[in-house]
């Protein structure tokens, strides 16, 4: 999921930086930081939580899940 988020983030950021498309800076921030930032953050949290469970660290997994939820 990290790779998908990075790829999706790179598309609008690269296109607007290279001058291919003109997007208002507020919309660019909304897309990059808001939508795609949330997507990659949640994906990373889910991945790390599952990995903690696989490593046999259920307390760490619970702390990450509850810490993000609170």
Protein backbone atom coordinates (compact mmCIF):
# COMPACT_ATOMS: atom_id res chain seq x y z
CA UNK A 1 0.00 0.00 0.00
CA UNK A 2 2.90 2.38 0.63
CA UNK A 3 3.96 2.10 -2.99
CA UNK A 4 0.43 2.74 -4.25
CA UNK A 5 0.11 5.85 -2.09
CA UNK A 6 3.48 7.16 -3.22
CA UNK A 7 2.60 6.55 -6.86
CA UNK A 8 -0.79 8.24 -6.53
CA UNK A 9 0.77 11.17 -4.69
CA UNK A 10 3.43 11.54 -7.36
CA UNK A 11 0.95 11.87 -10.21
CA UNK A 12 -0.72 15.18 -9.33
CA UNK A 13 2.34 16.60 -7.60
CA UNK A 14 4.62 15.81 -10.51
CA UNK A 15 2.16 17.00 -13.14
CA UNK A 16 1.54 20.31 -11.41
CA UNK A 17 5.19 20.93 -10.58
CA UNK A 18 6.26 20.22 -14.16
CA UNK A 19 3.70 22.72 -15.42
CA UNK A 20 1.54 20.17 -17.25
CA UNK A 21 -1.55 21.25 -15.32
CA UNK A 22 -2.40 24.42 -13.49
CA UNK A 23 -4.02 23.65 -10.16
CA UNK A 24 -4.70 26.17 -7.44
CA UNK A 25 -2.22 25.65 -4.58
CA UNK A 26 -5.10 25.09 -2.14
CA UNK A 27 -6.44 22.21 -4.26
CA UNK A 28 -2.97 20.78 -4.65
CA UNK A 29 -2.57 20.76 -0.86
CA UNK A 30 -6.02 19.25 -0.41
CA UNK A 31 -5.20 16.40 -2.79
CA UNK A 32 -1.66 15.76 -1.61
CA UNK A 33 -1.90 16.37 2.10
CA UNK A 34 -5.58 15.75 2.72
CA UNK A 35 -6.78 12.84 0.62
CA UNK A 36 -3.61 11.04 -0.35
CA UNK A 37 -1.84 11.84 2.91
CA UNK A 38 -4.66 10.23 4.85
CA UNK A 39 -4.65 7.23 2.51
CA UNK A 40 -0.95 6.56 2.96
CA UNK A 41 -1.00 7.19 6.72
CA UNK A 42 -3.87 4.79 7.29
CA UNK A 43 -2.28 2.18 5.02
CA UNK A 44 0.99 2.42 6.90
CA UNK A 45 -0.76 2.15 10.27
CA UNK A 46 -2.68 -0.93 9.13
CA UNK A 47 0.48 -2.56 7.78
CA UNK A 48 2.53 -1.85 10.91
CA UNK A 49 -0.28 -3.10 13.18
CA UNK A 50 -0.57 -6.38 11.30
CA UNK A 51 3.21 -6.78 11.31
CA UNK A 52 3.30 -6.29 15.09
CA UNK A 53 0.72 -9.06 15.44
CA UNK A 54 2.75 -11.34 13.16
CA UNK A 55 5.88 -10.68 15.22
CA UNK A 56 3.99 -11.73 18.32
CA UNK A 57 3.60 -8.27 19.84
CA UNK A 58 -0.14 -7.95 20.48
CA UNK A 59 0.32 -5.17 23.06
CA UNK A 60 2.26 -3.05 20.59
CA UNK A 61 -0.39 -3.68 17.92
CA UNK A 62 -3.17 -2.71 20.33
CA UNK A 63 -1.32 0.42 21.40
CA UNK A 64 -0.87 1.53 17.80
CA UNK A 65 -4.49 0.86 16.91
CA UNK A 66 -5.89 2.53 20.02
CA UNK A 67 -3.45 5.42 19.85
CA UNK A 68 -4.57 6.24 16.34
CA UNK A 69 -8.23 5.84 17.16
CA UNK A 70 -8.18 8.05 20.25
